[in-house]
Protein backbone atom coordinates (compact mmCIF):
# COMPACT_ATOMS: atom_id res chain seq x y z
CA MET A 1 10.72 12.78 9.49
CA SER A 2 11.45 9.24 8.32
CA ILE A 3 12.38 7.70 5.00
CA ASP A 4 8.94 6.20 4.37
CA VAL A 5 7.78 8.96 2.05
CA ASN A 6 6.78 8.86 -1.59
CA ARG A 7 6.65 12.42 -2.84
CA ARG A 8 9.68 14.66 -2.69
CA PHE A 9 8.54 17.36 -0.29
CA TYR A 10 11.82 19.21 0.36
CA ARG A 11 14.03 21.55 -1.61
CA GLU A 12 17.41 21.12 0.06
CA ALA A 13 19.31 18.25 1.67
CA ALA A 14 22.39 18.96 3.76
CA ALA A 15 24.76 17.35 6.24
CA VAL A 16 24.70 19.06 9.64
CA GLN A 17 26.79 18.50 12.76
CA ASP A 18 25.79 18.71 16.40
CA ALA A 19 27.25 17.55 19.70
CA GLU A 20 26.26 13.92 19.00
CA GLY A 21 27.59 13.56 15.47
CA TRP A 22 26.56 14.11 11.89
CA ARG A 23 22.95 14.21 10.71
CA ILE A 24 21.10 14.82 7.46
CA ALA A 25 18.60 17.66 7.30
CA LEU A 26 15.89 18.27 4.72
CA ASP A 27 15.01 21.94 4.65
CA GLY A 28 16.45 22.14 8.14
CA LYS A 29 14.51 19.20 9.59
CA VAL A 30 16.63 16.21 10.59
CA VAL A 31 16.00 12.84 8.98
CA LYS A 32 15.12 9.77 11.03
CA THR A 33 15.49 6.10 10.22
CA PRO A 34 12.52 3.98 9.10
CA ALA A 35 12.12 2.92 12.76
CA ARG A 36 12.15 6.60 13.68
CA ASN A 37 15.46 6.48 15.47
CA PRO A 38 17.83 9.45 15.19
CA LEU A 39 19.94 9.08 12.06
CA LEU A 40 23.47 9.73 13.30
CA VAL A 41 26.58 8.85 11.30
CA PRO A 42 30.19 9.10 12.43
CA THR A 43 31.81 11.04 9.59
CA ARG A 44 31.12 14.16 7.60
CA ALA A 45 31.94 12.35 4.38
CA LEU A 46 29.22 9.78 4.96
CA ALA A 47 26.68 12.40 6.01
CA GLU A 48 27.37 14.46 2.89
CA ALA A 49 27.09 11.40 0.67
CA ILE A 50 23.74 10.45 2.19
CA ALA A 51 22.56 14.05 1.79
CA GLY A 52 23.62 13.71 -1.84
CA GLU A 53 21.36 10.68 -2.22
CA TRP A 54 18.43 12.70 -0.91
CA ALA A 55 19.31 15.64 -3.15
CA ALA A 56 19.41 13.35 -6.21
CA GLN A 57 15.81 12.22 -5.78
CA ASP A 58 13.36 13.43 -8.42
CA THR A 59 9.66 14.01 -7.82
CA LYS A 60 9.43 10.84 -5.73
CA VAL A 61 11.75 9.49 -3.06
CA ARG A 62 12.94 6.00 -3.91
CA PRO A 63 14.74 4.29 -1.02
CA ASP A 64 16.09 1.61 -3.37
CA THR A 65 18.26 4.29 -5.01
CA MET A 66 19.74 5.32 -1.65
CA PRO A 67 22.03 2.47 -0.57
CA LEU A 68 24.09 4.58 1.84
CA MET A 69 20.94 5.72 3.64
CA GLN A 70 19.86 2.09 3.83
CA PHE A 71 23.20 0.95 5.26
CA ALA A 72 23.19 3.68 7.90
CA SER A 73 19.58 2.99 8.87
CA THR A 74 20.17 -0.75 9.05
CA ALA A 75 23.14 -0.23 11.36
CA ILE A 76 20.94 1.76 13.73
CA ASP A 77 17.59 -0.03 13.46
CA ARG A 78 18.61 -3.66 13.03
CA VAL A 79 22.26 -4.28 13.82
CA ALA A 80 22.82 -2.24 16.99
CA PRO A 81 19.87 -3.73 18.91
CA ASP A 82 20.51 -7.29 17.69
CA ARG A 83 24.30 -7.56 17.38
CA ASP A 84 24.68 -11.08 18.69
CA ARG A 85 22.29 -12.52 16.11
CA ILE A 86 23.84 -10.57 13.24
CA VAL A 87 27.33 -11.67 14.27
CA ALA A 88 26.22 -15.30 14.52
CA GLU A 89 24.43 -15.26 11.16
CA THR A 90 27.33 -13.59 9.38
CA ALA A 91 30.01 -15.76 10.96
CA GLY A 92 27.88 -18.81 10.23
CA TYR A 93 28.68 -18.56 6.53
CA ALA A 94 32.17 -19.82 7.32
CA ALA A 95 30.77 -23.30 8.00
CA THR A 96 29.71 -23.64 4.34
CA ASP A 97 31.72 -20.91 2.65
CA LEU A 98 31.42 -20.70 -1.13
CA VAL A 99 35.19 -20.77 -1.66
CA CYS A 100 35.52 -24.13 0.10
CA TYR A 101 33.42 -26.11 -2.39
CA ARG A 102 35.12 -26.92 -5.66
CA ALA A 103 34.07 -28.56 -8.90
CA GLU A 104 35.48 -31.94 -9.88
CA ALA A 105 35.39 -31.01 -13.58
CA PRO A 106 35.85 -29.60 -16.15
CA ALA A 107 39.53 -28.87 -15.70
CA GLU A 108 39.21 -25.25 -16.80
CA LEU A 109 36.64 -24.49 -14.10
CA VAL A 110 38.71 -26.32 -11.48
CA ALA A 111 41.71 -24.17 -12.43
CA ARG A 112 39.71 -20.95 -12.32
CA GLN A 113 38.34 -21.76 -8.88
CA ALA A 114 41.81 -22.52 -7.56
CA ALA A 115 43.24 -19.31 -9.02
CA ALA A 116 40.47 -17.14 -7.57
CA TRP A 117 39.78 -18.85 -4.26
CA ASP A 118 43.03 -20.42 -3.04
CA PRO A 119 44.63 -17.01 -2.36
CA LEU A 120 41.68 -16.18 -0.10
CA ILE A 121 42.11 -19.38 1.87
CA ASP A 122 45.81 -18.58 2.24
CA TRP A 123 45.07 -14.99 3.29
CA LEU A 124 42.62 -16.12 5.97
CA ARG A 125 45.30 -18.43 7.36
CA GLU A 126 47.85 -15.63 7.51
CA ARG A 127 45.48 -12.91 8.72
CA TYR A 128 43.38 -14.80 11.26
CA ASP A 129 45.32 -18.01 11.91
CA VAL A 130 42.42 -20.14 10.63
CA ALA A 131 42.53 -22.99 8.14
CA LEU A 132 39.35 -23.64 6.20
CA GLN A 133 39.05 -27.09 4.67
CA VAL A 134 38.41 -27.39 0.94
CA ALA A 135 36.61 -30.25 -0.81
CA THR A 136 35.14 -31.15 -4.17
CA GLY A 137 31.42 -31.63 -4.63
CA VAL A 138 28.49 -30.19 -2.69
CA MET A 139 28.43 -32.42 0.38
CA ALA A 140 29.00 -30.40 3.54
CA ILE A 141 32.44 -30.70 5.10
CA PRO A 142 33.13 -29.88 8.75
CA GLN A 143 35.27 -26.90 9.60
CA SER A 144 37.32 -26.92 12.80
CA ASP A 145 36.04 -25.25 15.94
CA HIS A 146 39.26 -23.23 15.97
CA ALA A 147 38.58 -21.83 12.49
CA LEU A 148 34.94 -21.04 13.17
CA ALA A 149 35.75 -19.39 16.49
CA GLY A 150 38.51 -17.30 14.96
CA LEU A 151 36.28 -16.02 12.18
CA THR A 152 33.47 -15.32 14.64
CA ARG A 153 35.87 -13.14 16.62
CA ALA A 154 36.80 -11.29 13.43
CA VAL A 155 33.14 -10.56 12.72
CA ALA A 156 32.34 -9.58 16.32
CA ALA A 157 35.29 -7.13 16.36
CA GLN A 158 33.54 -4.82 13.88
CA ASP A 159 31.56 -1.81 15.03
CA ASP A 160 27.88 -1.59 14.10
CA HIS A 161 28.46 0.23 10.81
CA ARG A 162 31.26 -2.03 9.59
CA LEU A 163 29.32 -5.09 10.74
CA THR A 164 26.38 -3.92 8.64
CA ALA A 165 28.55 -3.69 5.54
CA LEU A 166 30.19 -7.04 6.30
CA ALA A 167 26.83 -8.75 6.76
CA VAL A 168 25.52 -7.37 3.47
CA MET A 169 28.64 -8.41 1.56
CA THR A 170 28.61 -11.88 3.12
CA GLY A 171 24.98 -12.45 2.19
CA ALA A 172 25.44 -11.04 -1.29
CA SER A 173 28.50 -13.14 -2.11
CA GLY A 174 27.68 -16.25 -0.11
CA SER A 175 31.16 -16.08 1.35
CA LEU A 176 32.53 -14.69 4.59
CA ALA A 177 36.02 -15.10 3.15
CA LEU A 178 35.21 -12.80 0.24
CA ALA A 179 33.41 -10.29 2.46
CA LEU A 180 36.30 -10.07 4.93
CA ALA A 181 38.73 -9.65 2.04
CA VAL A 182 36.75 -6.66 0.76
CA LEU A 183 36.32 -5.25 4.27
CA GLU A 184 40.08 -5.27 4.80
CA ASP A 185 40.97 -4.07 1.30
CA ARG A 186 42.52 -7.39 0.34
CA ILE A 187 40.45 -7.33 -2.85
CA GLY A 188 38.05 -4.86 -4.41
CA PRO A 189 34.28 -5.30 -4.64
CA GLU A 190 34.34 -5.94 -8.39
CA ALA A 191 36.94 -8.69 -7.97
CA ALA A 192 34.85 -10.15 -5.15
CA ALA A 193 31.80 -10.18 -7.39
CA ASP A 194 33.76 -11.95 -10.11
CA ALA A 195 34.97 -14.53 -7.58
CA ALA A 196 31.49 -15.06 -6.17
CA GLN A 197 29.98 -15.41 -9.64
CA LEU A 198 32.79 -17.55 -11.04
CA ASP A 199 30.74 -20.71 -11.59
CA GLU A 200 27.79 -18.88 -13.12
CA LEU A 201 30.00 -16.84 -15.43
CA PHE A 202 31.76 -19.99 -16.56
CA GLN A 203 28.43 -21.58 -17.43
CA ALA A 204 27.28 -18.40 -19.21
CA GLU A 205 30.39 -18.56 -21.42
CA ARG A 206 29.43 -22.06 -22.45
CA TRP A 207 25.67 -21.88 -22.72
CA GLY A 208 24.83 -18.20 -23.10
CA ILE A 209 23.55 -15.51 -20.76
CA ASP A 210 20.28 -15.96 -18.86
CA PRO A 211 18.71 -12.49 -18.50
CA GLU A 212 17.31 -13.26 -15.05
CA ALA A 213 20.64 -14.62 -13.85
CA GLU A 214 22.41 -11.58 -15.27
CA LYS A 215 20.02 -9.30 -13.41
CA ARG A 216 20.69 -11.17 -10.18
CA ARG A 217 24.45 -10.91 -10.70
CA ALA A 218 24.18 -7.17 -11.34
CA ALA A 219 22.29 -6.70 -8.08
CA GLN A 220 24.89 -8.80 -6.25
CA ARG A 221 27.70 -6.70 -7.70
CA ALA A 222 25.90 -3.45 -6.81
CA ASP A 223 25.54 -4.57 -3.17
CA LEU A 224 29.26 -5.26 -2.90
CA VAL A 225 30.23 -1.96 -4.53
CA ALA A 226 27.82 0.02 -2.32
CA ALA A 227 29.10 -1.69 0.82
CA ARG A 228 32.71 -0.87 -0.06
CA ARG A 229 31.77 2.77 -0.68
CA PHE A 230 30.01 2.86 2.69
CA LEU A 231 33.18 1.55 4.34
CA ASP A 232 35.33 4.11 2.54
CA LEU A 233 33.08 6.96 3.70
CA LEU A 234 33.20 5.66 7.25
CA ALA A 235 36.99 5.77 7.12
CA THR A 236 37.20 9.24 5.56
CA GLY A 237 37.75 11.78 8.27
CA ALA A 238 37.53 9.20 11.05
CA ALA A 239 39.81 9.63 13.99
């Protein structure tokens, strides 16, 4: 059975183990991905959490309320068969990373950006031996081939599941630097959301909250938090 169902048709969801790994079963029948591939996950903790998402469904199954299921399915259906493209797209954010483009004014915003983003630039230098260039304004600045190659290697080093989480966090935040920092527990997902939303939050303080912008920021934050939870469950019980 696949996830493309509307009505809840099962009574029980459970994590089950076989020779290949951990699966999720609904009334004893194993779940498949939307592309009808076998849904296999590497840890019991992740399988149980995904089973919990299925168990929490009401009369209808809503995939948008099942982020862990979506991450696991994406890793299998989209990332594994197309790794090179996903790596290139994710690493490509480094060429125009959010944290490299700074405001010229006002002074308070400039200071906030420096306080939030400079430590990430420093961490990337120490962790990956790469130096991203920083500039004011919105005009694109070139990053060195050495820096881009180093960050591409960091992205490519991830397995399919971790690459899935990294790609989601990079797209959500607009920053590979922020996503890598969350991936490696340098910062938490909430702090990453604050850093990614720094400019918008500064403007909201001055001019008031835009409901649509607030909704977008909440979705961005939820993606980062869900990705970090997915990573934690991958690590729990892993060899």
